[in-house]
PDB file of N, CA and C in Angstrom:
ATOM      1  N   MET A   1       1.457   4.317  10.330  1.00  0.00           N
ATOM      2  CA  MET A   1       1.978   5.643  10.567  1.00  0.00           C
ATOM      3  C   MET A   1       2.699   5.709  11.898  1.00  0.00           C
ATOM      4  N   SER A   2       2.398   4.802  12.808  1.00  0.00           N
ATOM      5  CA  SER A   2       3.081   4.827  14.101  1.00  0.00           C
ATOM      6  C   SER A   2       4.483   4.224  14.019  1.00  0.00           C
ATOM      7  N   ASP A   3       4.787   3.539  12.935  1.00  0.00           N
ATOM      8  CA  ASP A   3       6.110   2.940  12.771  1.00  0.00           C
ATOM      9  C   ASP A   3       7.076   3.992  12.245  1.00  0.00           C
ATOM     10  N   LYS A   4       8.084   4.307  13.026  1.00  0.00           N
ATOM     11  CA  LYS A   4       8.994   5.392  12.643  1.00  0.00           C
ATOM     12  C   LYS A   4       9.795   5.067  11.394  1.00  0.00           C
ATOM     13  N   HIS A   5      10.101   3.792  11.146  1.00  0.00           N
ATOM     14  CA  HIS A   5      10.852   3.420   9.945  1.00  0.00           C
ATOM     15  C   HIS A   5      10.028   3.702   8.687  1.00  0.00           C
ATOM     16  N   ILE A   6       8.773   3.346   8.744  1.00  0.00           N
ATOM     17  CA  ILE A   6       7.881   3.579   7.604  1.00  0.00           C
ATOM     18  C   ILE A   6       7.663   5.075   7.421  1.00  0.00           C
ATOM     19  N   ARG A   7       7.360   5.761   8.502  1.00  0.00           N
ATOM     20  CA  ARG A   7       7.131   7.207   8.454  1.00  0.00           C
ATOM     21  C   ARG A   7       8.350   7.923   7.866  1.00  0.00           C
ATOM     22  N   PHE A   8       9.538   7.575   8.336  1.00  0.00           N
ATOM     23  CA  PHE A   8      10.775   8.178   7.856  1.00  0.00           C
ATOM     24  C   PHE A   8      10.981   7.899   6.374  1.00  0.00           C
ATOM     25  N   ALA A   9      10.710   6.666   5.939  1.00  0.00           N
ATOM     26  CA  ALA A   9      10.908   6.289   4.540  1.00  0.00           C
ATOM     27  C   ALA A   9      10.060   7.125   3.592  1.00  0.00           C
ATOM     28  N   TYR A  10       8.884   7.518   4.033  1.00  0.00           N
ATOM     29  CA  TYR A  10       8.000   8.324   3.199  1.00  0.00           C
ATOM     30  C   TYR A  10       8.160   9.822   3.466  1.00  0.00           C
ATOM     31  N   GLY A  11       9.068  10.177   4.356  1.00  0.00           N
ATOM     32  CA  GLY A  11       9.330  11.584   4.635  1.00  0.00           C
ATOM     33  C   GLY A  11       8.187  12.294   5.340  1.00  0.00           C
ATOM     34  N   CYS A  12       7.469  11.566   6.173  1.00  0.00           N
ATOM     35  CA  CYS A  12       6.319  12.144   6.867  1.00  0.00           C
ATOM     36  C   CYS A  12       6.661  12.447   8.318  1.00  0.00           C
ATOM     37  N   SER A  13       6.265  13.620   8.768  1.00  0.00           N
ATOM     38  CA  SER A  13       6.522  14.004  10.150  1.00  0.00           C
ATOM     39  C   SER A  13       5.513  13.361  11.091  1.00  0.00           C
ATOM     40  N   GLU A  14       5.839  13.385  12.369  1.00  0.00           N
ATOM     41  CA  GLU A  14       5.006  12.740  13.384  1.00  0.00           C
ATOM     42  C   GLU A  14       4.017  13.757  13.966  1.00  0.00           C
ATOM     43  N   ASN A  15       3.109  14.220  13.115  1.00  0.00           N
ATOM     44  CA  ASN A  15       2.065  15.148  13.545  1.00  0.00           C
ATOM     45  C   ASN A  15       0.863  15.008  12.606  1.00  0.00           C
ATOM     46  N   GLU A  16      -0.102  15.895  12.771  1.00  0.00           N
ATOM     47  CA  GLU A  16      -1.328  15.806  11.966  1.00  0.00           C
ATOM     48  C   GLU A  16      -1.047  15.948  10.474  1.00  0.00           C
ATOM     49  N   LEU A  17      -0.204  16.888  10.105  1.00  0.00           N
ATOM     50  CA  LEU A  17       0.110  17.085   8.689  1.00  0.00           C
ATOM     51  C   LEU A  17       0.872  15.890   8.131  1.00  0.00           C
ATOM     52  N   GLY A  18       1.739  15.315   8.939  1.00  0.00           N
ATOM     53  CA  GLY A  18       2.457  14.119   8.519  1.00  0.00           C
ATOM     54  C   GLY A  18       1.508  12.964   8.265  1.00  0.00           C
ATOM     55  N   TYR A  19       0.480  12.848   9.101  1.00  0.00           N
ATOM     56  CA  TYR A  19      -0.515  11.788   8.928  1.00  0.00           C
ATOM     57  C   TYR A  19      -1.277  11.970   7.616  1.00  0.00           C
ATOM     58  N   VAL A  20      -1.722  13.197   7.370  1.00  0.00           N
ATOM     59  CA  VAL A  20      -2.452  13.478   6.130  1.00  0.00           C
ATOM     60  C   VAL A  20      -1.552  13.201   4.925  1.00  0.00           C
ATOM     61  N   ASN A  21      -0.310  13.626   4.993  1.00  0.00           N
ATOM     62  CA  ASN A  21       0.656  13.384   3.925  1.00  0.00           C
ATOM     63  C   ASN A  21       0.824  11.882   3.685  1.00  0.00           C
ATOM     64  N   PHE A  22       0.974  11.132   4.764  1.00  0.00           N
ATOM     65  CA  PHE A  22       1.146   9.681   4.662  1.00  0.00           C
ATOM     66  C   PHE A  22      -0.078   9.031   4.018  1.00  0.00           C
ATOM     67  N   MET A  23      -1.267   9.415   4.470  1.00  0.00           N
ATOM     68  CA  MET A  23      -2.495   8.826   3.918  1.00  0.00           C
ATOM     69  C   MET A  23      -2.629   9.157   2.428  1.00  0.00           C
ATOM     70  N   TRP A  24      -2.298  10.376   2.043  1.00  0.00           N
ATOM     71  CA  TRP A  24      -2.355  10.762   0.637  1.00  0.00           C
ATOM     72  C   TRP A  24      -1.389   9.906  -0.187  1.00  0.00           C
ATOM     73  N   ARG A  25      -0.189   9.702   0.326  1.00  0.00           N
ATOM     74  CA  ARG A  25       0.805   8.887  -0.376  1.00  0.00           C
ATOM     75  C   ARG A  25       0.337   7.436  -0.518  1.00  0.00           C
ATOM     76  N   MET A  26      -0.305   6.898   0.511  1.00  0.00           N
ATOM     77  CA  MET A  26      -0.791   5.519   0.449  1.00  0.00           C
ATOM     78  C   MET A  26      -1.929   5.395  -0.559  1.00  0.00           C
ATOM     79  N   LYS A  27      -2.758   6.421  -0.656  1.00  0.00           N
ATOM     80  CA  LYS A  27      -3.834   6.426  -1.655  1.00  0.00           C
ATOM     81  C   LYS A  27      -3.231   6.393  -3.057  1.00  0.00           C
ATOM     82  N   LEU A  28      -2.251   7.243  -3.305  1.00  0.00           N
ATOM     83  CA  LEU A  28      -1.608   7.277  -4.620  1.00  0.00           C
ATOM     84  C   LEU A  28      -0.896   5.957  -4.926  1.00  0.00           C
ATOM     85  N   LEU A  29      -0.224   5.399  -3.915  1.00  0.00           N
ATOM     86  CA  LEU A  29       0.452   4.117  -4.091  1.00  0.00           C
ATOM     87  C   LEU A  29      -0.554   3.019  -4.428  1.00  0.00           C
ATOM     88  N   SER A  30      -1.663   2.982  -3.729  1.00  0.00           N
ATOM     89  CA  SER A  30      -2.700   1.970  -3.968  1.00  0.00           C
ATOM     90  C   SER A  30      -3.270   2.081  -5.377  1.00  0.00           C
ATOM     91  N   GLU A  31      -3.575   3.303  -5.789  1.00  0.00           N
ATOM     92  CA  GLU A  31      -4.127   3.500  -7.135  1.00  0.00           C
ATOM     93  C   GLU A  31      -3.127   3.082  -8.208  1.00  0.00           C
ATOM     94  N   ALA A  32      -1.870   3.456  -8.024  1.00  0.00           N
ATOM     95  CA  ALA A  32      -0.839   3.093  -9.002  1.00  0.00           C
ATOM     96  C   ALA A  32      -0.642   1.581  -9.045  1.00  0.00           C
ATOM     97  N   LEU A  33      -0.666   0.944  -7.892  1.00  0.00           N
ATOM     98  CA  LEU A  33      -0.487  -0.504  -7.823  1.00  0.00           C
ATOM     99  C   LEU A  33      -1.612  -1.230  -8.551  1.00  0.00           C
ATOM    100  N   ILE A  34      -2.838  -0.827  -8.321  1.00  0.00           N
ATOM    101  CA  ILE A  34      -3.984  -1.453  -8.991  1.00  0.00           C
ATOM    102  C   ILE A  34      -3.904  -1.233 -10.496  1.00  0.00           C
ATOM    103  N   ASP A  35      -3.591  -0.004 -10.910  1.00  0.00           N
ATOM    104  CA  ASP A  35      -3.470   0.279 -12.346  1.00  0.00           C
ATOM    105  C   ASP A  35      -2.400  -0.589 -12.990  1.00  0.00           C
ATOM    106  N   GLU A  36      -1.233  -0.625 -12.370  1.00  0.00           N
ATOM    107  CA  GLU A  36      -0.117  -1.384 -12.936  1.00  0.00           C
ATOM    108  C   GLU A  36      -0.424  -2.878 -12.965  1.00  0.00           C
ATOM    109  N   TYR A  37      -0.980  -3.397 -11.877  1.00  0.00           N
ATOM    110  CA  TYR A  37      -1.296  -4.824 -11.821  1.00  0.00           C
ATOM    111  C   TYR A  37      -2.360  -5.175 -12.861  1.00  0.00           C
ATOM    112  N   SER A  38      -3.383  -4.356 -12.945  1.00  0.00           N
ATOM    113  CA  SER A  38      -4.464  -4.585 -13.897  1.00  0.00           C
ATOM    114  C   SER A  38      -3.939  -4.612 -15.327  1.00  0.00           C
ATOM    115  N   ASN A  39      -3.085  -3.665 -15.658  1.00  0.00           N
ATOM    116  CA  ASN A  39      -2.521  -3.618 -17.014  1.00  0.00           C
ATOM    117  C   ASN A  39      -1.568  -4.780 -17.275  1.00  0.00           C
ATOM    118  N   ALA A  40      -0.710  -5.091 -16.325  1.00  0.00           N
ATOM    119  CA  ALA A  40       0.284  -6.149 -16.516  1.00  0.00           C
ATOM    120  C   ALA A  40      -0.347  -7.529 -16.612  1.00  0.00           C
ATOM    121  N   ARG A  41      -1.386  -7.773 -15.805  1.00  0.00           N
ATOM    122  CA  ARG A  41      -2.009  -9.095 -15.769  1.00  0.00           C
ATOM    123  C   ARG A  41      -3.262  -9.187 -16.627  1.00  0.00           C
ATOM    124  N   LYS A  42      -3.622  -8.070 -17.249  1.00  0.00           N
ATOM    125  CA  LYS A  42      -4.812  -8.030 -18.126  1.00  0.00           C
ATOM    126  C   LYS A  42      -6.070  -8.469 -17.381  1.00  0.00           C
ATOM    127  N   VAL A  43      -6.258  -7.909 -16.186  1.00  0.00           N
ATOM    128  CA  VAL A  43      -7.466  -8.180 -15.411  1.00  0.00           C
ATOM    129  C   VAL A  43      -8.206  -6.863 -15.188  1.00  0.00           C
ATOM    130  N   PRO A  44      -9.520  -6.923 -15.080  1.00  0.00           N
ATOM    131  CA  PRO A  44     -10.275  -5.690 -14.824  1.00  0.00           C
ATOM    132  C   PRO A  44      -9.862  -5.082 -13.476  1.00  0.00           C
ATOM    133  N   LYS A  45      -9.883  -3.774 -13.392  1.00  0.00           N
ATOM    134  CA  LYS A  45      -9.461  -3.103 -12.160  1.00  0.00           C
ATOM    135  C   LYS A  45     -10.280  -3.539 -10.948  1.00  0.00           C
ATOM    136  N   ASP A  46     -11.571  -3.836 -11.170  1.00  0.00           N
ATOM    137  CA  ASP A  46     -12.404  -4.232 -10.029  1.00  0.00           C
ATOM    138  C   ASP A  46     -12.072  -5.635  -9.510  1.00  0.00           C
ATOM    139  N   LYS A  47     -11.276  -6.395 -10.251  1.00  0.00           N
ATOM    140  CA  LYS A  47     -10.846  -7.729  -9.815  1.00  0.00           C
ATOM    141  C   LYS A  47      -9.363  -7.757  -9.435  1.00  0.00           C
ATOM    142  N   ALA A  48      -8.662  -6.667  -9.678  1.00  0.00           N
ATOM    143  CA  ALA A  48      -7.206  -6.644  -9.508  1.00  0.00           C
ATOM    144  C   ALA A  48      -6.782  -6.865  -8.064  1.00  0.00           C
ATOM    145  N   PHE A  49      -7.461  -6.247  -7.100  1.00  0.00           N
ATOM    146  CA  PHE A  49      -7.039  -6.409  -5.707  1.00  0.00           C
ATOM    147  C   PHE A  49      -7.115  -7.864  -5.265  1.00  0.00           C
ATOM    148  N   GLN A  50      -8.226  -8.525  -5.539  1.00  0.00           N
ATOM    149  CA  GLN A  50      -8.383  -9.920  -5.120  1.00  0.00           C
ATOM    150  C   GLN A  50      -7.294 -10.794  -5.729  1.00  0.00           C
ATOM    151  N   LYS A  51      -7.022 -10.608  -7.008  1.00  0.00           N
ATOM    152  CA  LYS A  51      -5.995 -11.415  -7.677  1.00  0.00           C
ATOM    153  C   LYS A  51      -4.602 -11.085  -7.161  1.00  0.00           C
ATOM    154  N   LEU A  52      -4.351  -9.817  -6.891  1.00  0.00           N
ATOM    155  CA  LEU A  52      -3.055  -9.401  -6.349  1.00  0.00           C
ATOM    156  C   LEU A  52      -2.826 -10.011  -4.970  1.00  0.00           C
ATOM    157  N   ALA A  53      -3.819  -9.940  -4.104  1.00  0.00           N
ATOM    158  CA  ALA A  53      -3.691 -10.512  -2.760  1.00  0.00           C
ATOM    159  C   ALA A  53      -3.445 -12.011  -2.843  1.00  0.00           C
ATOM    160  N   LEU A  54      -4.136 -12.680  -3.737  1.00  0.00           N
ATOM    161  CA  LEU A  54      -3.930 -14.114  -3.925  1.00  0.00           C
ATOM    162  C   LEU A  54      -2.518 -14.402  -4.408  1.00  0.00           C
ATOM    163  N   GLU A  55      -2.062 -13.620  -5.370  1.00  0.00           N
ATOM    164  CA  GLU A  55      -0.717 -13.817  -5.914  1.00  0.00           C
ATOM    165  C   GLU A  55       0.354 -13.558  -4.851  1.00  0.00           C
ATOM    166  N   CYS A  56       0.066 -12.638  -3.944  1.00  0.00           N
ATOM    167  CA  CYS A  56       1.004 -12.351  -2.844  1.00  0.00           C
ATOM    168  C   CYS A  56       0.891 -13.375  -1.718  1.00  0.00           C
ATOM    169  N   GLN A  57      -0.032 -14.308  -1.864  1.00  0.00           N
ATOM    170  CA  GLN A  57      -0.307 -15.315  -0.841  1.00  0.00           C
ATOM    171  C   GLN A  57      -0.670 -14.659   0.485  1.00  0.00           C
ATOM    172  N   SER A  58      -1.507 -13.642   0.386  1.00  0.00           N
ATOM    173  CA  SER A  58      -1.933 -12.896   1.565  1.00  0.00           C
ATOM    174  C   SER A  58      -3.416 -13.125   1.808  1.00  0.00           C
ATOM    175  N   ALA A  59      -3.785 -13.185   3.073  1.00  0.00           N
ATOM    176  CA  ALA A  59      -5.181 -13.369   3.446  1.00  0.00           C
ATOM    177  C   ALA A  59      -5.881 -12.033   3.700  1.00  0.00           C
ATOM    178  N   VAL A  60      -5.233 -10.923   3.388  1.00  0.00           N
ATOM    179  CA  VAL A  60      -5.831  -9.611   3.642  1.00  0.00           C
ATOM    180  C   VAL A  60      -7.075  -9.419   2.799  1.00  0.00           C
ATOM    181  N   THR A  61      -7.963  -8.580   3.300  1.00  0.00           N
ATOM    182  CA  THR A  61      -9.214  -8.337   2.589  1.00  0.00           C
ATOM    183  C   THR A  61      -9.377  -6.885   2.159  1.00  0.00           C
ATOM    184  N   THR A  62      -8.398  -6.045   2.475  1.00  0.00           N
ATOM    185  CA  THR A  62      -8.474  -4.646   2.063  1.00  0.00           C
ATOM    186  C   THR A  62      -7.129  -4.172   1.530  1.00  0.00           C
ATOM    187  N   MET A  63      -7.178  -3.207   0.647  1.00  0.00           N
ATOM    188  CA  MET A  63      -5.955  -2.627   0.098  1.00  0.00           C
ATOM    189  C   MET A  63      -5.120  -1.946   1.182  1.00  0.00           C
ATOM    190  N   PRO A  64      -5.709  -1.181   2.103  1.00  0.00           N
ATOM    191  CA  PRO A  64      -4.865  -0.576   3.142  1.00  0.00           C
ATOM    192  C   PRO A  64      -4.063  -1.599   3.939  1.00  0.00           C
ATOM    193  N   LYS A  65      -4.655  -2.738   4.232  1.00  0.00           N
ATOM    194  CA  LYS A  65      -3.936  -3.766   4.986  1.00  0.00           C
ATOM    195  C   LYS A  65      -2.820  -4.384   4.141  1.00  0.00           C
ATOM    196  N   LEU A  66      -3.052  -4.569   2.852  1.00  0.00           N
ATOM    197  CA  LEU A  66      -2.010  -5.096   1.973  1.00  0.00           C
ATOM    198  C   LEU A  66      -0.834  -4.119   1.899  1.00  0.00           C
ATOM    199  N   ILE A  67      -1.126  -2.838   1.767  1.00  0.00           N
ATOM    200  CA  ILE A  67      -0.077  -1.821   1.736  1.00  0.00           C
ATOM    201  C   ILE A  67       0.644  -1.777   3.086  1.00  0.00           C
ATOM    202  N   ASP A  68      -0.102  -1.926   4.164  1.00  0.00           N
ATOM    203  CA  ASP A  68       0.495  -1.948   5.499  1.00  0.00           C
ATOM    204  C   ASP A  68       1.485  -3.102   5.627  1.00  0.00           C
ATOM    205  N   GLU A  69       1.106  -4.284   5.173  1.00  0.00           N
ATOM    206  CA  GLU A  69       2.007  -5.441   5.229  1.00  0.00           C
ATOM    207  C   GLU A  69       3.244  -5.206   4.360  1.00  0.00           C
ATOM    208  N   TYR A  70       3.027  -4.669   3.174  1.00  0.00           N
ATOM    209  CA  TYR A  70       4.147  -4.365   2.279  1.00  0.00           C
ATOM    210  C   TYR A  70       5.124  -3.397   2.950  1.00  0.00           C
ATOM    211  N   ASN A  71       4.596  -2.316   3.504  1.00  0.00           N
ATOM    212  CA  ASN A  71       5.452  -1.319   4.159  1.00  0.00           C
ATOM    213  C   ASN A  71       6.213  -1.932   5.330  1.00  0.00           C
ATOM    214  N   TRP A  72       5.550  -2.742   6.115  1.00  0.00           N
ATOM    215  CA  TRP A  72       6.205  -3.318   7.292  1.00  0.00           C
ATOM    216  C   TRP A  72       7.374  -4.210   6.858  1.00  0.00           C
ATOM    217  N   VAL A  73       7.133  -5.056   5.858  1.00  0.00           N
ATOM    218  CA  VAL A  73       8.199  -5.948   5.391  1.00  0.00           C
ATOM    219  C   VAL A  73       9.331  -5.148   4.754  1.00  0.00           C
ATOM    220  N   LYS A  74       9.002  -4.182   3.927  1.00  0.00           N
ATOM    221  CA  LYS A  74      10.023  -3.420   3.219  1.00  0.00           C
ATOM    222  C   LYS A  74      10.882  -2.577   4.159  1.00  0.00           C
ATOM    223  N   TYR A  75      10.283  -1.959   5.158  1.00  0.00           N
ATOM    224  CA  TYR A  75      11.013  -1.000   5.966  1.00  0.00           C
ATOM    225  C   TYR A  75      11.419  -1.510   7.363  1.00  0.00           C
ATOM    226  N   ASN A  76      11.094  -2.755   7.679  1.00  0.00           N
ATOM    227  CA  ASN A  76      11.474  -3.290   8.989  1.00  0.00           C
ATOM    228  C   ASN A  76      12.309  -4.551   8.908  1.00  0.00           C
ATOM    229  N   HIS A  77      12.743  -4.936   7.754  1.00  0.00           N
ATOM    230  CA  HIS A  77      13.573  -6.145   7.623  1.00  0.00           C
ATOM    231  C   HIS A  77      14.871  -5.824   6.959  1.00  0.00           C
TER     232      HIS A  77
END
């Protein structure tokens, strides 16, 4: 949320409401990503994150960190 490129891309302001808006959007993005990955790869939802992180060749251990890496690469390169 401190990255202005990411914040701007999601249309979130630099205040408390912008933070809440950003967190809500990341929650929805995470849920949609797990659902889509689980359906596309035919894996149970409770195993989808681990398999997704492996497929992305990422050492992250949480969904927020995976989304953070995705956002940084997408909006800063």
